[in-house]
Each structure stands twice: as structure tokens, then as C-alpha cells.
Amino acid sequence: MSAVVASVAGQGPVPPDGSGQLAPLKELPLPDVVSYVPQTVGWIVLAVLLVAAFAVAGWLVWRRRRRQLYRRVALAELAGIEASLAAARADAVQRASALAAIARLLKRTSLAVAPRDQVASLSGDAWLAFLQRTRGRFDARSGALLALTSYAPAQQVAAISAEDTTALIAHARDWIEHHHVEV
């Protein structure tokens, strides 16, 4: 006898079921979809704690960045002053104005964090002592230059050497980046 093989469209050859033995067979059921929801309370508590920890950490970072905004603004302004000093090498008036802006920038920056009544009236040695007390590296020379840029005539300020100017800018940048005013 020859076996007759039937063909169903798209399924290939199907053996004949002449005896009816395949009729009661059914497709195997697929398993239920696995849920991603944790099945125990411990995992849910852990997930809630992790979300809360990330939220608190994000809030702390945001608050710190907001509180330190004045530093970033001051550093950007100091970079602008440095650029104007580089551009105004020959012009004495512009150079004197840019150098005087360093002292004004330091005063405004200190007023952003310290009580106005403690800082606004400071000048001369008291101002330099405040800068040194709040993490400044201003020595006698850079302190004298800071006072000179604030009060001396433009021609005298413009005569400050490039090395002294570089040191003054470095001390100002260091103070802006690292100062800590205790209130």
C-alpha cells in the first residue's frame, strides 16, 4: 500500500489520520504572561525606598547648584574681566577699569553670602583680613594691589605689571571658587 500524504495550504505534508487517533489531541496551552510587578511586599518597600532616596538626592543636588549659582556667575564675570584685560593691553583707561572691576566683583560676591552689615563697610586691612579669613590666599602684595585698583588713579592702576595682574586674578579666582563664609 502506498501512503497517501495530504497537503494543507502553508503547512506542508500532513499524514492521513484514517484511524482517528489524532482527533482527541489538542494544542498545548501557552503559559500565562509573567508579571513584572513584585509578588512580595519586601520588593515593593525596597522600590519605594529607592525612589525616595533618588528623589532626595536629586533635590539636594538641585538645591546645592542653586545655592552655588553666584559662584558660577562670578567666575564667568572674572573670565570676562580677564578677557578685557587681554584685549586692553595698550589702553590704560580700559585696563584700569578692568582691574578695578576685580575688587568690585569680590565685594559683590562676598555680599551674596555674608550678612550685608558685616561685609559692606569693610575696606583696607579689614577687607583683606576678611578675604584671608574666608579662605583667601591674598598676601600683602596682592592685598595692596586690590586696594590700589580700587582707589588709585587710572594711570597708576594701568602701570601694574602683567605678573601682578595674573597673580591678582589667580587669587580672586581661588577665593571665588573656595571661599566659605560662616554666618
Protein backbone atom coordinates (compact mmCIF):
# COMPACT_ATOMS: atom_id res chain seq x y z
CA MET A 1 0.00 0.00 0.00
CA SER A 2 1.10 3.39 -0.64
CA ALA A 3 0.79 6.03 1.96
CA VAL A 4 -1.29 8.95 0.88
CA VAL A 5 0.07 12.23 2.11
CA ALA A 6 -2.32 15.16 2.13
CA SER A 7 -1.13 18.71 1.96
CA VAL A 8 -2.71 21.61 3.79
CA ALA A 9 -2.02 25.04 2.35
CA GLY A 10 1.03 26.58 4.03
CA GLN A 11 1.69 23.70 6.45
CA GLY A 12 3.41 21.19 4.27
CA PRO A 13 2.56 17.48 4.17
CA VAL A 14 0.14 16.15 6.78
CA PRO A 15 -0.08 12.42 7.43
CA PRO A 16 -3.52 10.92 6.96
CA ASP A 17 -5.49 10.14 10.10
CA GLY A 18 -7.50 7.26 8.93
CA SER A 19 -7.81 5.63 12.34
CA GLY A 20 -8.94 8.86 14.15
CA GLN A 21 -6.28 8.61 16.82
CA LEU A 22 -5.18 12.24 16.40
CA ALA A 23 -8.66 13.75 16.76
CA PRO A 24 -8.76 13.93 20.62
CA LEU A 25 -5.34 15.64 20.78
CA LYS A 26 -5.39 19.40 21.40
CA GLU A 27 -2.80 22.19 21.26
CA LEU A 28 -0.74 22.65 24.40
CA PRO A 29 -1.82 25.82 26.24
CA LEU A 30 0.68 28.71 26.40
CA PRO A 31 1.84 29.75 29.84
CA ASP A 32 0.38 32.89 31.40
CA VAL A 33 2.25 36.14 30.84
CA VAL A 34 4.78 36.73 33.59
CA SER A 35 4.01 39.86 35.59
CA TYR A 36 6.74 42.40 36.30
CA VAL A 37 5.00 43.51 39.48
CA PRO A 38 6.84 42.16 42.53
CA GLN A 39 4.91 39.43 44.27
CA THR A 40 6.14 40.18 47.81
CA VAL A 41 5.84 43.26 49.99
CA GLY A 42 9.60 43.46 50.59
CA TRP A 43 10.34 44.26 46.96
CA ILE A 44 7.66 46.94 46.88
CA VAL A 45 9.05 48.55 50.03
CA LEU A 46 12.56 48.44 48.57
CA ALA A 47 11.35 50.06 45.34
CA VAL A 48 9.61 52.84 47.27
CA LEU A 49 12.72 53.44 49.38
CA LEU A 50 14.94 53.60 46.28
CA VAL A 51 12.61 56.07 44.55
CA ALA A 52 12.53 58.20 47.71
CA ALA A 53 16.34 58.09 48.02
CA PHE A 54 16.79 59.17 44.40
CA ALA A 55 14.26 61.96 44.85
CA VAL A 56 16.02 63.27 47.98
CA ALA A 57 19.44 63.04 46.32
CA GLY A 58 18.16 64.90 43.26
CA TRP A 59 16.62 67.60 45.43
CA LEU A 60 19.88 68.03 47.38
CA VAL A 61 21.92 68.34 44.19
CA TRP A 62 19.45 70.87 42.76
CA ARG A 63 19.50 72.90 45.98
CA ARG A 64 23.30 72.92 46.11
CA ARG A 65 23.57 74.01 42.48
CA ARG A 66 21.04 76.79 43.10
CA ARG A 67 22.93 77.95 46.20
CA GLN A 68 26.24 77.95 44.27
CA LEU A 69 24.89 79.90 41.29
CA TYR A 70 26.52 83.12 42.50
CA ARG A 71 29.95 81.42 42.25
CA ARG A 72 29.38 80.38 38.63
CA VAL A 73 28.20 83.89 37.75
CA ALA A 74 31.20 85.46 39.50
CA LEU A 75 33.63 83.11 37.76
CA ALA A 76 32.06 83.93 34.39
CA GLU A 77 32.39 87.64 35.13
CA LEU A 78 36.02 87.15 36.20
CA ALA A 79 36.69 85.39 32.89
CA GLY A 80 35.16 88.39 31.11
CA ILE A 81 37.42 90.75 33.09
CA GLU A 82 40.41 88.62 32.18
CA ALA A 83 39.44 88.74 28.51
CA SER A 84 39.02 92.51 28.61
CA LEU A 85 42.46 92.83 30.24
CA ALA A 86 43.97 90.79 27.44
CA ALA A 87 42.22 92.95 24.85
CA ALA A 88 43.12 96.26 26.53
CA ARG A 89 46.89 95.89 26.90
CA ALA A 90 47.63 99.27 25.33
CA ASP A 91 44.64 101.26 26.57
CA ALA A 92 45.39 102.44 30.12
CA VAL A 93 41.82 103.53 30.90
CA GLN A 94 40.27 100.20 29.92
CA ARG A 95 42.98 98.29 31.77
CA ALA A 96 42.43 100.35 34.93
CA SER A 97 38.68 99.86 34.66
CA ALA A 98 39.06 96.09 34.25
CA LEU A 99 41.43 95.86 37.23
CA ALA A 100 39.07 97.91 39.40
CA ALA A 101 36.26 95.53 38.41
CA ILE A 102 38.07 92.69 40.21
CA ALA A 103 37.71 94.39 43.60
CA ARG A 104 34.05 95.22 42.91
CA LEU A 105 33.42 91.62 41.86
CA LEU A 106 34.94 90.27 45.08
CA LYS A 107 32.83 92.64 47.17
CA ARG A 108 29.60 91.70 45.33
CA THR A 109 30.43 88.01 45.65
CA SER A 110 31.00 88.32 49.38
CA LEU A 111 27.75 90.26 49.76
CA ALA A 112 25.94 87.34 48.10
CA VAL A 113 26.73 85.05 51.05
CA ALA A 114 27.70 87.14 54.04
CA PRO A 115 25.47 89.50 56.02
CA ARG A 116 25.50 92.96 54.50
CA ASP A 117 26.17 94.71 57.80
CA GLN A 118 29.34 92.65 58.31
CA VAL A 119 30.81 93.00 54.82
CA ALA A 120 29.59 96.17 53.11
CA SER A 121 31.57 98.58 55.26
CA LEU A 122 34.85 96.67 55.12
CA SER A 123 37.81 98.32 53.38
CA GLY A 124 41.57 98.34 53.53
CA ASP A 125 43.14 95.95 56.04
CA ALA A 126 39.76 94.84 57.42
CA TRP A 127 38.64 93.85 53.91
CA LEU A 128 41.88 91.95 53.29
CA ALA A 129 41.54 90.22 56.69
CA PHE A 130 38.00 89.15 55.75
CA LEU A 131 39.24 87.72 52.43
CA GLN A 132 42.03 85.83 54.19
CA ARG A 133 39.72 84.58 56.95
CA THR A 134 37.24 83.20 54.42
CA ARG A 135 39.81 81.03 52.66
CA GLY A 136 41.62 83.68 50.64
CA ARG A 137 45.26 83.42 49.63
CA PHE A 138 45.70 87.15 49.39
CA ASP A 139 49.12 88.09 50.68
CA ALA A 140 50.33 91.61 51.49
CA ARG A 141 51.29 92.26 47.86
CA SER A 142 48.01 91.12 46.28
CA GLY A 143 46.06 92.83 49.05
CA ALA A 144 47.87 96.09 48.35
CA LEU A 145 47.15 95.63 44.63
CA LEU A 146 43.49 95.07 45.39
CA ALA A 147 43.34 98.33 47.35
CA LEU A 148 45.35 100.10 44.64
CA THR A 149 42.96 99.01 41.88
CA SER A 150 40.03 100.35 43.88
CA TYR A 151 41.31 103.80 44.84
CA ALA A 152 44.37 104.82 42.81
CA PRO A 153 44.29 107.00 39.68
CA ALA A 154 43.84 105.17 36.36
CA GLN A 155 47.43 105.77 35.20
CA GLN A 156 48.85 104.22 38.36
CA VAL A 157 46.48 101.23 38.12
CA ALA A 158 47.34 100.71 34.46
CA ALA A 159 51.04 100.53 35.39
CA ILE A 160 50.55 97.29 37.35
CA SER A 161 52.73 94.58 35.81
CA ALA A 162 51.35 91.60 33.92
CA GLU A 163 52.72 89.21 36.55
CA ASP A 164 50.98 91.08 39.36
CA THR A 165 47.77 91.18 37.32
CA THR A 166 47.96 87.43 36.72
CA ALA A 167 48.57 86.79 40.43
CA LEU A 168 45.66 89.05 41.41
CA ILE A 169 43.31 87.24 39.02
CA ALA A 170 44.51 83.85 40.28
CA HIS A 171 43.92 84.87 43.92
CA ALA A 172 40.48 86.24 43.05
CA ARG A 173 39.54 83.06 41.17
CA ASP A 174 40.77 80.89 44.03
CA TRP A 175 38.76 82.89 46.56
CA ILE A 176 35.58 82.78 44.46
CA GLU A 177 35.90 79.02 43.95
CA HIS A 178 36.76 78.04 47.52
CA HIS A 179 35.63 80.71 49.99
CA HIS A 180 33.48 79.74 52.92
CA VAL A 181 31.72 82.45 54.88
CA GLU A 182 30.45 81.44 58.28
CA VAL A 183 27.27 83.26 59.12
